[in-house]
Amino acid sequence: MKKIKLLFIIATIAFTTNINAQTYSYDFIGGYDGWIGDFADYPPVESIIYELEYTRTTLPAPLNTSKYALKIAGTNRSDDLFMFIKRKITGLIPNTTYQLQVQVDFASNAPTNAIGVGGPPGEGVTMKAGATITEPNKIIIGSDYRMNIDKGNQSVPGVDMGRIGHIGVSDTTTEFTLINRNNTANLFTITTDANGEVWVCIGTDSGFEGRTTLYYNQITLTFTNTLGLDDFILTKGMIVYPNPASDIITVKINPLLLGQNYKIIDQVGRFVLADKLQSEITSININELPFGIYFFTIGENKMQTFKVMKN
């Protein structure tokens, strides 16, 4: 038998750690970070006059031009224009209900209390955020692109996206300024699919018939499981998260399994790590494990598959 390789077991998580919460943060330093941009609520035959733009670039002056952001821009030539970014989130607990907190830092140059055609340039552009099991996409309905999810219309929220504010900065705005919008006061509820995945969508629904340009500088998503985790552990015996992981996995077990040995096995059946579970919550360093699928097992019947990803 190949010699079992023991890795360093990190101390138990402090009691102040919220094991029910998983946070994902994106600053776009290394790229798009998996975010995809697109547009809806416009006729395909006239798309060129909407001057649609989505790219990763640096923040505009007078902001810090060494920092990166996702630039999205478009000119509303009719009653509506929806500009959105989306990303698939993985590694959550399957078939589990979460409350999603969205924090969005972005640069805008839209003034408040200003006059605009169809609506003001600040308050007339509503920012929305939400999550769905279905990938948010534009589809042809009649003569226009519309969304396949319920985002609502302009300032009205929908089933799949809630209103988190507008893009107006201040009455005296003359240049791009960083501002924050969030849904802290009204968290969004979403249930993951069988793979522990959801799609997050952030977008602006415009009633302002003019050009809107935004730079998404920082996005932070926090998924908090307030229901179901203890039931999941009682049923399955354990939970391994995040999944996929890169450096650390955390294991929470049913107290009845305390003192039992665990094993991590690779796809060809080799033991790559083994030790005894001394606590209900244990963090394990998997930094030396190569990319691939692994099996975390306790005894003969308790097993969970997890994936190791490398940055």
Protein backbone atom coordinates (compact mmCIF):
# COMPACT_ATOMS: atom_id res chain seq x y z
CA MET A 1 0.00 0.00 0.00
CA LYS A 2 1.23 3.46 -0.83
CA LYS A 3 2.35 5.32 2.26
CA ILE A 4 -0.36 7.56 3.66
CA LYS A 5 0.64 11.21 3.56
CA LEU A 6 -0.45 13.20 6.61
CA LEU A 7 -1.08 16.91 6.22
CA PHE A 8 -1.15 19.50 8.96
CA ILE A 9 -4.54 19.74 10.67
CA ILE A 10 -5.45 23.31 11.50
CA ALA A 11 -6.95 24.13 14.87
CA THR A 12 -10.71 24.12 15.33
CA ILE A 13 -12.50 27.25 14.07
CA ALA A 14 -13.20 29.83 16.75
CA PHE A 15 -16.75 29.97 18.08
CA THR A 16 -17.19 33.42 16.55
CA THR A 17 -16.85 31.99 13.00
CA ASN A 18 -20.14 31.70 11.17
CA ILE A 19 -19.87 28.27 9.54
CA ASN A 20 -23.22 28.87 7.84
CA ALA A 21 -21.85 31.75 5.75
CA GLN A 22 -19.75 31.64 2.59
CA THR A 23 -18.37 34.86 1.11
CA TYR A 24 -17.18 35.44 -2.46
CA SER A 25 -15.33 38.66 -3.28
CA TYR A 26 -14.23 39.98 -6.67
CA ASP A 27 -11.95 42.94 -7.42
CA PHE A 28 -11.07 42.11 -11.07
CA ILE A 29 -7.33 42.54 -10.56
CA GLY A 30 -6.58 39.28 -12.36
CA GLY A 31 -9.35 39.33 -14.96
CA TYR A 32 -13.10 39.17 -15.33
CA ASP A 33 -13.34 36.72 -12.38
CA GLY A 34 -15.99 34.74 -14.25
CA TRP A 35 -18.42 37.64 -14.65
CA ILE A 36 -20.24 37.88 -17.99
CA GLY A 37 -21.87 41.09 -19.22
CA ASP A 38 -24.87 41.49 -21.52
CA PHE A 39 -27.86 43.70 -22.38
CA ALA A 40 -31.63 43.35 -22.83
CA ASP A 41 -34.77 45.44 -23.43
CA TYR A 42 -33.76 46.67 -26.86
CA PRO A 43 -34.52 45.64 -30.46
CA PRO A 44 -31.78 43.56 -32.15
CA VAL A 45 -32.26 45.36 -35.45
CA GLU A 46 -31.27 48.66 -33.81
CA SER A 47 -28.52 47.37 -31.51
CA ILE A 48 -25.77 49.46 -33.12
CA ILE A 49 -27.37 52.76 -32.13
CA TYR A 50 -27.49 51.63 -28.47
CA GLU A 51 -23.65 51.76 -28.42
CA LEU A 52 -23.38 48.78 -26.07
CA GLU A 53 -20.04 48.22 -24.34
CA TYR A 54 -18.75 45.70 -21.82
CA THR A 55 -15.07 45.33 -20.98
CA ARG A 56 -12.56 45.02 -18.15
CA THR A 57 -10.53 48.19 -17.75
CA THR A 58 -9.07 50.51 -15.14
CA LEU A 59 -11.10 53.01 -13.16
CA PRO A 60 -11.44 56.41 -14.85
CA ALA A 61 -9.74 59.55 -13.58
CA PRO A 62 -9.89 61.19 -11.11
CA LEU A 63 -10.23 57.79 -9.39
CA ASN A 64 -7.29 55.46 -8.81
CA THR A 65 -6.46 54.37 -12.36
CA SER A 66 -4.27 51.50 -11.10
CA LYS A 67 -7.40 49.64 -9.96
CA TYR A 68 -9.48 47.50 -12.28
CA ALA A 69 -13.22 47.35 -12.87
CA LEU A 70 -15.85 45.98 -15.21
CA LYS A 71 -17.06 48.77 -17.45
CA ILE A 72 -20.58 48.50 -18.82
CA ALA A 73 -22.24 51.21 -20.88
CA GLY A 74 -25.17 51.77 -23.18
CA THR A 75 -27.41 54.46 -24.62
CA ASN A 76 -31.11 54.02 -24.00
CA ARG A 77 -32.83 55.00 -27.26
CA SER A 78 -36.33 53.99 -26.18
CA ASP A 79 -38.20 53.35 -22.94
CA ASP A 80 -35.85 50.72 -21.45
CA LEU A 81 -32.35 49.36 -21.41
CA PHE A 82 -31.20 46.60 -19.05
CA MET A 83 -27.41 46.29 -18.59
CA PHE A 84 -26.37 43.32 -16.49
CA ILE A 85 -23.51 41.15 -15.31
CA LYS A 86 -23.90 37.55 -14.18
CA ARG A 87 -21.82 34.77 -12.62
CA LYS A 88 -22.34 31.14 -11.66
CA ILE A 89 -21.60 30.47 -7.98
CA THR A 90 -20.51 26.96 -7.01
CA GLY A 91 -19.50 25.24 -3.79
CA LEU A 92 -22.72 25.82 -1.83
CA ILE A 93 -24.69 23.07 -0.10
CA PRO A 94 -27.03 21.30 -2.55
CA ASN A 95 -30.79 21.87 -2.30
CA THR A 96 -30.34 24.35 0.54
CA THR A 97 -31.94 27.73 1.17
CA TYR A 98 -29.63 30.73 1.60
CA GLN A 99 -30.02 34.41 2.26
CA LEU A 100 -27.85 36.37 -0.16
CA GLN A 101 -26.25 39.69 0.75
CA VAL A 102 -24.91 41.68 -2.20
CA GLN A 103 -22.41 44.54 -1.80
CA VAL A 104 -21.57 46.47 -4.99
CA ASP A 105 -18.93 49.20 -5.19
CA PHE A 106 -19.03 51.03 -8.51
CA ALA A 107 -18.11 54.31 -10.14
CA SER A 108 -20.87 56.52 -11.54
CA ASN A 109 -21.02 60.06 -12.85
CA ALA A 110 -24.83 60.34 -12.76
CA PRO A 111 -26.14 63.32 -10.78
CA THR A 112 -29.23 63.26 -8.57
CA ASN A 113 -32.18 65.64 -8.90
CA ALA A 114 -31.27 66.31 -12.52
CA ILE A 115 -33.54 66.50 -15.56
CA GLY A 116 -33.42 63.82 -18.24
CA VAL A 117 -35.54 62.52 -21.09
CA GLY A 118 -37.80 59.70 -19.87
CA GLY A 119 -36.40 60.05 -16.36
CA PRO A 120 -33.45 61.53 -14.45
CA PRO A 121 -29.94 60.14 -15.16
CA GLY A 122 -29.43 59.12 -11.53
CA GLU A 123 -32.71 58.07 -9.92
CA GLY A 124 -34.11 56.97 -13.30
CA VAL A 125 -31.60 54.10 -13.50
CA THR A 126 -32.44 51.41 -10.94
CA MET A 127 -29.82 48.92 -9.75
CA LYS A 128 -31.08 45.41 -9.03
CA ALA A 129 -29.54 42.19 -7.74
CA GLY A 130 -30.73 38.64 -7.26
CA ALA A 131 -30.06 34.98 -7.88
CA THR A 132 -31.67 32.19 -9.86
CA ILE A 133 -31.18 28.52 -10.65
CA THR A 134 -31.63 29.29 -14.34
CA GLU A 135 -28.82 31.12 -16.10
CA PRO A 136 -30.00 34.70 -16.79
CA ASN A 137 -30.07 35.24 -20.55
CA LYS A 138 -31.63 37.59 -23.06
CA ILE A 139 -34.15 36.00 -25.42
CA ILE A 140 -36.21 37.29 -28.32
CA ILE A 141 -39.79 38.10 -27.35
CA GLY A 142 -41.68 39.84 -30.11
CA SER A 143 -39.33 42.35 -31.69
CA ASP A 144 -37.09 42.91 -28.63
CA TYR A 145 -34.53 41.19 -26.44
CA ARG A 146 -36.08 40.42 -23.05
CA MET A 147 -34.78 38.53 -20.03
CA ASN A 148 -35.67 34.90 -19.36
CA ILE A 149 -35.90 35.69 -15.62
CA ASP A 150 -38.31 37.99 -13.77
CA LYS A 151 -36.23 41.11 -13.10
CA GLY A 152 -39.23 43.42 -12.87
CA ASN A 153 -39.48 46.60 -14.94
CA GLN A 154 -37.47 49.79 -14.41
CA SER A 155 -37.88 50.76 -10.72
CA VAL A 156 -40.23 47.84 -9.97
CA PRO A 157 -38.49 44.72 -8.57
CA GLY A 158 -39.19 41.23 -9.88
CA VAL A 159 -39.35 37.74 -8.38
CA ASP A 160 -35.72 37.01 -9.33
CA MET A 161 -34.15 40.42 -8.72
CA GLY A 162 -34.69 42.96 -5.98
CA ARG A 163 -34.10 46.72 -6.05
CA ILE A 164 -30.91 47.85 -4.24
CA GLY A 165 -30.89 51.54 -5.16
CA HIS A 166 -30.12 53.85 -8.07
CA ILE A 167 -26.91 55.08 -9.70
CA GLY A 168 -27.14 58.74 -8.69
CA VAL A 169 -24.17 60.11 -6.75
CA SER A 170 -25.13 63.62 -5.58
CA ASP A 171 -26.72 66.82 -6.82
CA THR A 172 -23.31 68.32 -7.59
CA THR A 173 -21.76 65.33 -9.38
CA THR A 174 -19.49 66.31 -12.27
CA GLU A 175 -17.06 63.36 -12.40
CA PHE A 176 -16.90 59.63 -11.74
CA THR A 177 -17.25 58.82 -8.05
CA LEU A 178 -17.17 55.50 -6.18
CA ILE A 179 -20.42 54.66 -4.41
CA ASN A 180 -21.90 51.55 -2.79
CA ARG A 181 -25.25 49.84 -3.18
CA ASN A 182 -26.34 46.80 -1.20
CA ASN A 183 -29.35 44.80 -0.07
CA THR A 184 -28.37 44.57 3.61
CA ALA A 185 -31.83 45.72 4.71
CA ASN A 186 -33.63 43.27 2.43
CA LEU A 187 -31.67 40.07 1.86
CA PHE A 188 -32.48 37.93 -1.17
CA THR A 189 -33.53 34.30 -0.61
CA ILE A 190 -32.45 31.55 -2.99
CA THR A 191 -32.39 27.74 -2.87
CA THR A 192 -29.45 26.02 -4.55
CA ASP A 193 -29.81 23.25 -7.13
CA ALA A 194 -28.75 19.62 -6.73
CA ASN A 195 -25.12 20.61 -7.41
CA GLY A 196 -25.03 23.44 -4.87
CA GLU A 197 -25.02 26.09 -7.61
CA VAL A 198 -26.87 29.34 -8.39
CA TRP A 199 -26.50 32.22 -10.82
CA VAL A 200 -26.10 35.74 -9.42
CA CYS A 201 -27.25 38.66 -11.56
CA ILE A 202 -26.57 42.38 -10.97
CA GLY A 203 -27.94 44.94 -13.37
CA THR A 204 -29.37 48.38 -14.04
CA ASP A 205 -32.89 48.91 -15.37
CA SER A 206 -33.02 52.28 -17.13
CA GLY A 207 -35.86 54.67 -17.70
CA PHE A 208 -33.41 57.44 -18.54
CA GLU A 209 -33.22 57.88 -22.30
CA GLY A 210 -29.54 58.75 -22.52
CA ARG A 211 -26.11 57.21 -22.01
CA THR A 212 -25.22 55.38 -18.80
CA THR A 213 -21.65 54.29 -18.00
CA LEU A 214 -20.70 52.35 -14.87
CA TYR A 215 -17.49 50.77 -13.55
CA TYR A 216 -18.03 47.80 -11.20
CA ASN A 217 -14.98 47.94 -8.93
CA GLN A 218 -15.76 45.46 -6.13
CA ILE A 219 -18.51 42.87 -5.68
CA THR A 220 -18.97 40.87 -2.48
CA LEU A 221 -21.53 38.10 -2.16
CA THR A 222 -22.32 36.48 1.20
CA PHE A 223 -24.50 33.37 1.28
CA THR A 224 -25.83 32.58 4.76
CA ASN A 225 -27.56 29.28 5.37
CA THR A 226 -29.97 29.94 8.22
CA LEU A 227 -32.01 26.78 7.75
CA GLY A 228 -31.17 23.22 6.93
CA LEU A 229 -27.47 22.83 7.77
CA ASP A 230 -28.01 20.94 11.01
CA ASP A 231 -30.62 18.74 9.35
CA PHE A 232 -28.19 18.08 6.49
CA ILE A 233 -25.48 17.00 8.93
CA LEU A 234 -27.88 14.81 10.93
CA THR A 235 -28.95 13.09 7.72
CA LYS A 236 -25.59 12.82 5.94
CA GLY A 237 -23.35 12.71 9.01
CA MET A 238 -21.08 15.49 7.78
CA ILE A 239 -20.58 18.40 5.42
CA VAL A 240 -17.37 19.35 3.60
CA TYR A 241 -17.10 22.94 2.34
CA PRO A 242 -16.27 25.00 0.35
CA ASN A 243 -16.67 22.72 -2.63
CA PRO A 244 -14.72 23.17 -4.85
CA ALA A 245 -11.78 24.21 -2.65
CA SER A 246 -8.17 25.22 -3.24
CA ASP A 247 -6.26 25.48 0.04
CA ILE A 248 -8.52 24.64 2.98
CA ILE A 249 -11.60 22.50 3.50
CA THR A 250 -13.76 22.67 6.59
CA VAL A 251 -15.53 19.58 7.88
CA LYS A 252 -18.49 19.66 10.26
CA ILE A 253 -19.71 16.32 11.58
CA ASN A 254 -22.48 14.83 13.63
CA PRO A 255 -21.17 14.65 17.26
CA LEU A 256 -21.85 10.90 17.20
CA LEU A 257 -18.92 10.54 14.79
CA LEU A 258 -16.38 12.19 17.09
CA GLY A 259 -13.23 10.13 17.52
CA GLN A 260 -13.65 8.23 14.28
CA ASN A 261 -10.97 8.22 11.62
CA TYR A 262 -11.46 9.97 8.31
CA LYS A 263 -9.74 9.34 5.01
CA ILE A 264 -9.35 11.36 1.85
CA ILE A 265 -9.10 9.14 -1.20
CA ASP A 266 -8.25 10.10 -4.76
CA GLN A 267 -10.03 8.87 -7.89
CA VAL A 268 -7.88 5.74 -8.21
CA GLY A 269 -8.49 4.68 -4.61
CA ARG A 270 -5.24 5.82 -3.00
CA PHE A 271 -5.30 7.26 0.53
CA VAL A 272 -3.82 10.75 0.37
CA LEU A 273 -4.70 11.89 3.89
CA ALA A 274 -6.02 10.30 7.08
CA ASP A 275 -6.47 11.28 10.71
CA LYS A 276 -8.90 11.19 13.63
CA LEU A 277 -11.74 13.70 14.00
CA GLN A 278 -11.25 15.35 17.38
CA SER A 279 -13.84 18.12 17.02
CA GLU A 280 -17.24 18.75 15.44
CA ILE A 281 -15.61 21.41 13.22
CA THR A 282 -12.16 20.85 11.73
CA SER A 283 -10.24 22.68 9.01
CA ILE A 284 -7.83 20.68 6.88
CA ASN A 285 -4.97 21.98 4.75
CA ILE A 286 -5.29 20.50 1.24
CA ASN A 287 -2.85 22.91 -0.39
CA GLU A 288 -0.53 20.06 -1.47
CA LEU A 289 -3.26 18.08 -3.18
CA PRO A 290 -3.21 18.38 -6.98
CA PHE A 291 -6.23 19.36 -9.06
CA GLY A 292 -8.87 16.62 -9.13
CA ILE A 293 -11.81 14.86 -7.54
CA TYR A 294 -11.45 13.41 -4.02
CA PHE A 295 -13.62 11.44 -1.60
CA PHE A 296 -13.86 12.37 2.08
CA THR A 297 -14.94 9.29 4.02
CA ILE A 298 -15.80 8.46 7.64
CA GLY A 299 -16.17 4.75 8.39
CA GLU A 300 -17.74 2.65 5.67
CA ASN A 301 -20.93 4.57 4.92
CA LYS A 302 -20.27 8.31 5.23
CA MET A 303 -18.74 9.82 2.12
CA GLN A 304 -18.76 13.16 0.32
CA THR A 305 -17.12 14.02 -2.97
CA PHE A 306 -15.23 17.30 -3.27
CA LYS A 307 -13.14 18.95 -5.96
CA VAL A 308 -9.73 20.57 -5.57
CA MET A 309 -9.21 23.62 -7.78
CA LYS A 310 -5.99 25.57 -8.15
CA ASN A 311 -5.75 29.30 -8.87
